[in-house]
Amino acid sequence: MYKINDIGSFVGRSLTERDLITVLLNNWSPSSSYDFPVAYTGFQKRRFQIQWLEEFEWIAYSEIHKGAFKWCVAFVPDVVSRSAKPLGMLVKSAHKNWKKAKEDYKSQQTRQYHRFCAEKLNAFLKL
């Protein structure tokens, strides 16, 4: 059974204020003993690494989608209007490429919509 506060259950829908609080402050997070599913890249076994949740505090793992999302899924309508490119990986679809995960996450941090989401989060938390 999937967790009720799984970030994946909030992807692709309009969120209420209560949903925003759940996504931003109370989303489900796997324990350090969680057994992440294995994905194969060629003959290599790869899986999500729990330490990425600490290193990149803006991501959350979704058990539903078996991948990672940015917490900015909460602000998708606002982000879409500010983004020059269509949103995809980490926002509208789960990130599952574990081979290049750290590279991808570092790259995401430099994007303008990432900074915009951080501003939205700070404003929301001040309410």
N, C-alpha and C. Protein backbone atom coordinates (compact mmCIF):
# COMPACT_ATOMS: atom_id res chain seq x y z
N MET A 1 0.84 -1.19 0.00
CA MET A 1 0.00 0.00 0.00
C MET A 1 0.89 1.25 0.00
N TYR A 2 0.54 2.21 -0.83
CA TYR A 2 1.34 3.42 -0.95
C TYR A 2 1.04 4.39 0.19
N LYS A 3 2.02 5.21 0.48
CA LYS A 3 1.89 6.19 1.55
C LYS A 3 0.98 7.33 1.09
N ILE A 4 0.11 7.79 1.97
CA ILE A 4 -0.84 8.84 1.62
C ILE A 4 -0.14 10.16 1.31
N ASN A 5 0.99 10.42 1.92
CA ASN A 5 1.70 11.67 1.71
C ASN A 5 2.82 11.55 0.67
N ASP A 6 2.75 10.54 -0.16
CA ASP A 6 3.74 10.34 -1.22
C ASP A 6 3.64 11.50 -2.21
N ILE A 7 4.75 12.16 -2.50
CA ILE A 7 4.74 13.30 -3.40
C ILE A 7 4.15 12.94 -4.77
N GLY A 8 4.30 11.71 -5.18
CA GLY A 8 3.78 11.27 -6.46
C GLY A 8 2.27 11.36 -6.58
N SER A 9 1.57 11.33 -5.46
CA SER A 9 0.11 11.42 -5.50
C SER A 9 -0.37 12.86 -5.76
N PHE A 10 0.55 13.82 -5.74
CA PHE A 10 0.18 15.22 -5.95
C PHE A 10 0.58 15.73 -7.33
N VAL A 11 1.26 14.90 -8.11
CA VAL A 11 1.74 15.31 -9.43
C VAL A 11 0.58 15.41 -10.41
N GLY A 12 0.57 16.50 -11.17
CA GLY A 12 -0.42 16.66 -12.23
C GLY A 12 -1.80 17.10 -11.79
N ARG A 13 -1.94 17.64 -10.60
CA ARG A 13 -3.26 18.11 -10.17
C ARG A 13 -3.13 19.42 -9.42
N SER A 14 -4.22 20.15 -9.36
CA SER A 14 -4.25 21.41 -8.62
C SER A 14 -4.23 21.09 -7.13
N LEU A 15 -3.48 21.86 -6.39
CA LEU A 15 -3.32 21.57 -4.97
C LEU A 15 -4.02 22.61 -4.11
N THR A 16 -4.65 22.12 -3.06
CA THR A 16 -5.25 23.00 -2.06
C THR A 16 -4.14 23.47 -1.12
N GLU A 17 -4.47 24.40 -0.24
CA GLU A 17 -3.48 24.86 0.74
C GLU A 17 -3.03 23.69 1.63
N ARG A 18 -3.97 22.83 1.98
CA ARG A 18 -3.63 21.65 2.79
C ARG A 18 -2.67 20.72 2.04
N ASP A 19 -2.92 20.54 0.73
CA ASP A 19 -2.02 19.73 -0.09
C ASP A 19 -0.62 20.34 -0.11
N LEU A 20 -0.55 21.67 -0.25
CA LEU A 20 0.75 22.34 -0.28
C LEU A 20 1.52 22.08 1.00
N ILE A 21 0.84 22.17 2.12
CA ILE A 21 1.50 21.90 3.41
C ILE A 21 2.03 20.47 3.45
N THR A 22 1.22 19.54 2.97
CA THR A 22 1.64 18.14 2.94
C THR A 22 2.86 17.95 2.06
N VAL A 23 2.81 18.49 0.83
CA VAL A 23 3.92 18.33 -0.11
C VAL A 23 5.19 18.97 0.42
N LEU A 24 5.06 20.16 0.99
CA LEU A 24 6.24 20.92 1.38
C LEU A 24 6.77 20.59 2.77
N LEU A 25 5.90 20.15 3.66
CA LEU A 25 6.33 19.96 5.05
C LEU A 25 6.14 18.55 5.59
N ASN A 26 5.20 17.81 5.04
CA ASN A 26 4.86 16.50 5.63
C ASN A 26 4.89 15.36 4.63
N ASN A 27 5.67 15.51 3.56
CA ASN A 27 5.65 14.43 2.57
C ASN A 27 6.36 13.19 3.11
N TRP A 28 5.92 12.05 2.61
CA TRP A 28 6.50 10.79 3.02
C TRP A 28 7.96 10.73 2.58
N SER A 29 8.79 10.19 3.44
CA SER A 29 10.20 10.01 3.12
C SER A 29 10.61 8.61 3.55
N PRO A 30 11.33 7.91 2.70
CA PRO A 30 11.73 6.55 3.06
C PRO A 30 12.72 6.54 4.22
N SER A 31 12.66 5.47 5.00
CA SER A 31 13.60 5.32 6.11
C SER A 31 14.97 4.91 5.56
N SER A 32 15.97 4.98 6.40
CA SER A 32 17.32 4.61 5.96
C SER A 32 17.42 3.13 5.59
N SER A 33 16.48 2.32 6.04
CA SER A 33 16.50 0.89 5.71
C SER A 33 15.58 0.54 4.53
N TYR A 34 14.98 1.56 3.91
CA TYR A 34 14.07 1.32 2.79
C TYR A 34 14.79 0.61 1.65
N ASP A 35 14.14 -0.38 1.07
CA ASP A 35 14.73 -1.16 -0.02
C ASP A 35 14.25 -0.58 -1.36
N PHE A 36 15.06 0.32 -1.92
CA PHE A 36 14.70 0.94 -3.19
C PHE A 36 14.74 -0.09 -4.31
N PRO A 37 13.80 0.00 -5.26
CA PRO A 37 13.81 -0.95 -6.36
C PRO A 37 15.04 -0.79 -7.25
N VAL A 38 15.47 -1.88 -7.82
CA VAL A 38 16.63 -1.90 -8.70
C VAL A 38 16.20 -1.56 -10.12
N ALA A 39 17.00 -0.74 -10.78
CA ALA A 39 16.81 -0.45 -12.20
C ALA A 39 18.08 -0.90 -12.91
N TYR A 40 17.93 -1.44 -14.07
CA TYR A 40 19.08 -1.93 -14.82
C TYR A 40 19.45 -0.93 -15.91
N THR A 41 20.74 -0.60 -15.97
CA THR A 41 21.31 0.21 -17.04
C THR A 41 22.32 -0.69 -17.71
N GLY A 42 21.91 -1.28 -18.83
CA GLY A 42 22.75 -2.31 -19.43
C GLY A 42 22.77 -3.49 -18.48
N PHE A 43 23.96 -3.86 -18.06
CA PHE A 43 24.11 -4.96 -17.10
C PHE A 43 24.32 -4.46 -15.68
N GLN A 44 24.32 -3.14 -15.49
CA GLN A 44 24.55 -2.55 -14.18
C GLN A 44 23.24 -2.41 -13.40
N LYS A 45 23.29 -2.81 -12.14
CA LYS A 45 22.16 -2.60 -11.24
C LYS A 45 22.35 -1.25 -10.56
N ARG A 46 21.32 -0.45 -10.60
CA ARG A 46 21.38 0.86 -9.95
C ARG A 46 20.08 1.10 -9.19
N ARG A 47 20.17 1.95 -8.17
CA ARG A 47 18.98 2.30 -7.40
C ARG A 47 19.15 3.68 -6.80
N PHE A 48 18.04 4.26 -6.41
CA PHE A 48 18.06 5.55 -5.74
C PHE A 48 18.88 5.42 -4.46
N GLN A 49 19.64 6.45 -4.11
CA GLN A 49 20.47 6.44 -2.91
C GLN A 49 19.87 7.37 -1.85
N ILE A 50 19.65 6.84 -0.67
CA ILE A 50 19.01 7.60 0.41
C ILE A 50 19.74 8.91 0.73
N GLN A 51 21.06 8.93 0.59
CA GLN A 51 21.82 10.14 0.93
C GLN A 51 21.51 11.30 -0.01
N TRP A 52 20.94 11.02 -1.20
CA TRP A 52 20.57 12.11 -2.10
C TRP A 52 19.48 12.98 -1.50
N LEU A 53 18.66 12.43 -0.62
CA LEU A 53 17.61 13.22 0.02
C LEU A 53 18.19 14.27 0.96
N GLU A 54 19.35 13.99 1.51
CA GLU A 54 20.02 14.97 2.38
C GLU A 54 20.86 15.94 1.55
N GLU A 55 21.53 15.41 0.55
CA GLU A 55 22.39 16.25 -0.28
C GLU A 55 21.59 17.24 -1.12
N PHE A 56 20.44 16.80 -1.58
CA PHE A 56 19.56 17.65 -2.39
C PHE A 56 18.22 17.73 -1.68
N GLU A 57 18.11 18.65 -0.75
CA GLU A 57 16.93 18.74 0.13
C GLU A 57 15.65 19.05 -0.63
N TRP A 58 15.75 19.45 -1.86
CA TRP A 58 14.59 19.83 -2.66
C TRP A 58 13.99 18.66 -3.43
N ILE A 59 14.50 17.46 -3.26
CA ILE A 59 13.90 16.30 -3.91
C ILE A 59 13.20 15.42 -2.88
N ALA A 60 12.24 14.68 -3.37
CA ALA A 60 11.51 13.71 -2.55
C ALA A 60 11.36 12.44 -3.38
N TYR A 61 11.47 11.31 -2.73
CA TYR A 61 11.31 10.04 -3.43
C TYR A 61 9.83 9.65 -3.41
N SER A 62 9.35 9.17 -4.54
CA SER A 62 7.97 8.70 -4.65
C SER A 62 7.95 7.18 -4.76
N GLU A 63 7.32 6.56 -3.79
CA GLU A 63 7.14 5.11 -3.84
C GLU A 63 6.15 4.75 -4.95
N ILE A 64 5.18 5.60 -5.18
CA ILE A 64 4.18 5.36 -6.22
C ILE A 64 4.83 5.28 -7.59
N HIS A 65 5.70 6.25 -7.90
CA HIS A 65 6.33 6.34 -9.22
C HIS A 65 7.72 5.70 -9.26
N LYS A 66 8.21 5.26 -8.12
CA LYS A 66 9.54 4.66 -8.00
C LYS A 66 10.62 5.56 -8.60
N GLY A 67 10.53 6.84 -8.23
CA GLY A 67 11.48 7.82 -8.73
C GLY A 67 11.43 9.09 -7.90
N ALA A 68 12.25 10.06 -8.28
CA ALA A 68 12.37 11.30 -7.53
C ALA A 68 11.62 12.44 -8.21
N PHE A 69 11.10 13.34 -7.38
CA PHE A 69 10.45 14.56 -7.84
C PHE A 69 11.02 15.73 -7.06
N LYS A 70 10.92 16.93 -7.66
CA LYS A 70 11.23 18.16 -6.94
C LYS A 70 10.00 18.54 -6.12
N TRP A 71 10.20 19.14 -4.98
CA TRP A 71 9.05 19.59 -4.20
C TRP A 71 8.31 20.70 -4.92
N CYS A 72 8.90 21.26 -5.97
CA CYS A 72 8.21 22.35 -6.67
C CYS A 72 7.03 21.85 -7.50
N VAL A 73 6.73 20.55 -7.47
CA VAL A 73 5.49 20.09 -8.10
C VAL A 73 4.31 20.86 -7.50
N ALA A 74 4.50 21.37 -6.30
CA ALA A 74 3.45 22.13 -5.63
C ALA A 74 3.14 23.44 -6.36
N PHE A 75 4.12 23.95 -7.09
CA PHE A 75 3.96 25.26 -7.73
C PHE A 75 3.92 25.17 -9.26
N VAL A 76 3.57 24.04 -9.80
CA VAL A 76 3.62 23.83 -11.25
C VAL A 76 2.90 24.90 -12.05
N PRO A 77 1.67 25.29 -11.72
CA PRO A 77 1.03 26.33 -12.55
C PRO A 77 1.84 27.61 -12.64
N ASP A 78 2.43 28.03 -11.52
CA ASP A 78 3.24 29.25 -11.52
C ASP A 78 4.56 29.03 -12.26
N VAL A 79 5.15 27.87 -12.09
CA VAL A 79 6.43 27.57 -12.71
C VAL A 79 6.28 27.49 -14.22
N VAL A 80 5.22 26.87 -14.70
CA VAL A 80 5.01 26.72 -16.13
C VAL A 80 4.97 28.09 -16.80
N SER A 81 4.33 29.04 -16.17
CA SER A 81 4.23 30.37 -16.77
C SER A 81 5.58 31.09 -16.79
N ARG A 82 6.53 30.67 -15.97
CA ARG A 82 7.84 31.32 -15.90
C ARG A 82 8.93 30.57 -16.65
N SER A 83 8.66 29.35 -17.05
CA SER A 83 9.68 28.51 -17.66
C SER A 83 9.65 28.63 -19.18
N ALA A 84 10.84 28.74 -19.78
CA ALA A 84 10.93 28.82 -21.23
C ALA A 84 10.77 27.46 -21.88
N LYS A 85 11.07 26.41 -21.14
CA LYS A 85 10.99 25.06 -21.67
C LYS A 85 9.86 24.30 -20.97
N PRO A 86 9.30 23.31 -21.65
CA PRO A 86 8.28 22.50 -20.98
C PRO A 86 8.90 21.75 -19.79
N LEU A 87 8.13 21.65 -18.73
CA LEU A 87 8.61 20.94 -17.54
C LEU A 87 8.45 19.45 -17.75
N GLY A 88 9.38 18.69 -17.26
CA GLY A 88 9.30 17.25 -17.42
C GLY A 88 9.91 16.55 -16.22
N MET A 89 11.13 16.04 -16.42
CA MET A 89 11.82 15.27 -15.39
C MET A 89 11.84 16.02 -14.06
N LEU A 90 11.50 15.33 -13.02
CA LEU A 90 11.48 15.79 -11.64
C LEU A 90 10.27 16.65 -11.29
N VAL A 91 9.50 17.10 -12.28
CA VAL A 91 8.34 17.94 -12.00
C VAL A 91 7.06 17.26 -12.45
N LYS A 92 7.01 16.87 -13.71
CA LYS A 92 5.81 16.20 -14.21
C LYS A 92 6.02 14.70 -14.35
N SER A 93 7.25 14.27 -14.38
CA SER A 93 7.55 12.84 -14.43
C SER A 93 8.70 12.54 -13.47
N ALA A 94 8.70 11.33 -12.94
CA ALA A 94 9.71 10.94 -11.96
C ALA A 94 11.07 10.78 -12.62
N HIS A 95 12.09 11.19 -11.92
CA HIS A 95 13.46 10.97 -12.37
C HIS A 95 13.86 9.56 -11.95
N LYS A 96 14.33 8.77 -12.90
CA LYS A 96 14.69 7.38 -12.61
C LYS A 96 16.04 6.98 -13.19
N ASN A 97 16.78 7.93 -13.72
CA ASN A 97 18.09 7.63 -14.30
C ASN A 97 19.14 7.72 -13.20
N TRP A 98 19.33 6.62 -12.49
CA TRP A 98 20.21 6.64 -11.32
C TRP A 98 21.68 6.75 -11.71
N LYS A 99 22.03 6.39 -12.93
CA LYS A 99 23.43 6.47 -13.36
C LYS A 99 23.93 7.91 -13.31
N LYS A 100 23.11 8.85 -13.73
CA LYS A 100 23.51 10.25 -13.79
C LYS A 100 22.74 11.11 -12.81
N ALA A 101 22.21 10.53 -11.78
CA ALA A 101 21.34 11.27 -10.86
C ALA A 101 22.02 12.49 -10.26
N LYS A 102 23.20 12.33 -9.71
CA LYS A 102 23.85 13.48 -9.07
C LYS A 102 24.14 14.59 -10.06
N GLU A 103 24.57 14.23 -11.25
CA GLU A 103 24.81 15.23 -12.30
C GLU A 103 23.51 15.95 -12.64
N ASP A 104 22.45 15.19 -12.82
CA ASP A 104 21.15 15.77 -13.15
C ASP A 104 20.67 16.70 -12.05
N TYR A 105 20.81 16.28 -10.80
CA TYR A 105 20.34 17.09 -9.68
C TYR A 105 21.15 18.38 -9.55
N LYS A 106 22.46 18.28 -9.74
CA LYS A 106 23.29 19.50 -9.69
C LYS A 106 22.91 20.47 -10.80
N SER A 107 22.62 19.94 -11.97
CA SER A 107 22.21 20.76 -13.09
C SER A 107 20.87 21.44 -12.81
N GLN A 108 19.95 20.73 -12.19
CA GLN A 108 18.64 21.28 -11.87
C GLN A 108 18.75 22.51 -10.97
N GLN A 109 19.69 22.48 -10.06
CA GLN A 109 19.84 23.57 -9.08
C GLN A 109 20.19 24.90 -9.74
N THR A 110 20.73 24.86 -10.95
CA THR A 110 21.15 26.09 -11.62
C THR A 110 20.05 26.71 -12.47
N ARG A 111 18.95 26.04 -12.62
CA ARG A 111 17.88 26.52 -13.51
C ARG A 111 17.05 27.62 -12.85
N GLN A 112 16.59 28.53 -13.69
CA GLN A 112 15.82 29.66 -13.17
C GLN A 112 14.55 29.22 -12.47
N TYR A 113 13.86 28.23 -13.01
CA TYR A 113 12.61 27.82 -12.35
C TYR A 113 12.88 27.17 -11.00
N HIS A 114 14.08 26.62 -10.80
CA HIS A 114 14.44 26.07 -9.49
C HIS A 114 14.53 27.23 -8.48
N ARG A 115 15.19 28.30 -8.88
CA ARG A 115 15.30 29.46 -7.99
C ARG A 115 13.92 30.08 -7.74
N PHE A 116 13.09 30.12 -8.77
CA PHE A 116 11.72 30.64 -8.63
C PHE A 116 10.94 29.80 -7.61
N CYS A 117 11.08 28.48 -7.69
CA CYS A 117 10.39 27.60 -6.74
C CYS A 117 10.88 27.84 -5.32
N ALA A 118 12.17 28.08 -5.17
CA ALA A 118 12.72 28.36 -3.84
C ALA A 118 12.11 29.64 -3.27
N GLU A 119 11.95 30.65 -4.13
CA GLU A 119 11.31 31.90 -3.70
C GLU A 119 9.85 31.66 -3.30
N LYS A 120 9.14 30.86 -4.09
CA LYS A 120 7.74 30.53 -3.78
C LYS A 120 7.65 29.79 -2.44
N LEU A 121 8.56 28.86 -2.22
CA LEU A 121 8.57 28.12 -0.96
C LEU A 121 8.78 29.06 0.22
N ASN A 122 9.77 29.93 0.11
CA ASN A 122 10.04 30.87 1.20
C ASN A 122 8.84 31.75 1.49
N ALA A 123 8.20 32.23 0.44
CA ALA A 123 7.00 33.07 0.62
C ALA A 123 5.87 32.28 1.27
N PHE A 124 5.69 31.04 0.86
CA PHE A 124 4.63 30.21 1.43
C PHE A 124 4.89 29.93 2.91
N LEU A 125 6.13 29.67 3.26
CA LEU A 125 6.47 29.35 4.65
C LEU A 125 6.32 30.56 5.57
N LYS A 126 6.39 31.75 5.01
CA LYS A 126 6.23 32.97 5.82
C LYS A 126 4.78 33.25 6.16
N LEU A 127 3.84 32.60 5.46
CA LEU A 127 2.41 32.85 5.71
C LEU A 127 1.98 32.36 7.07
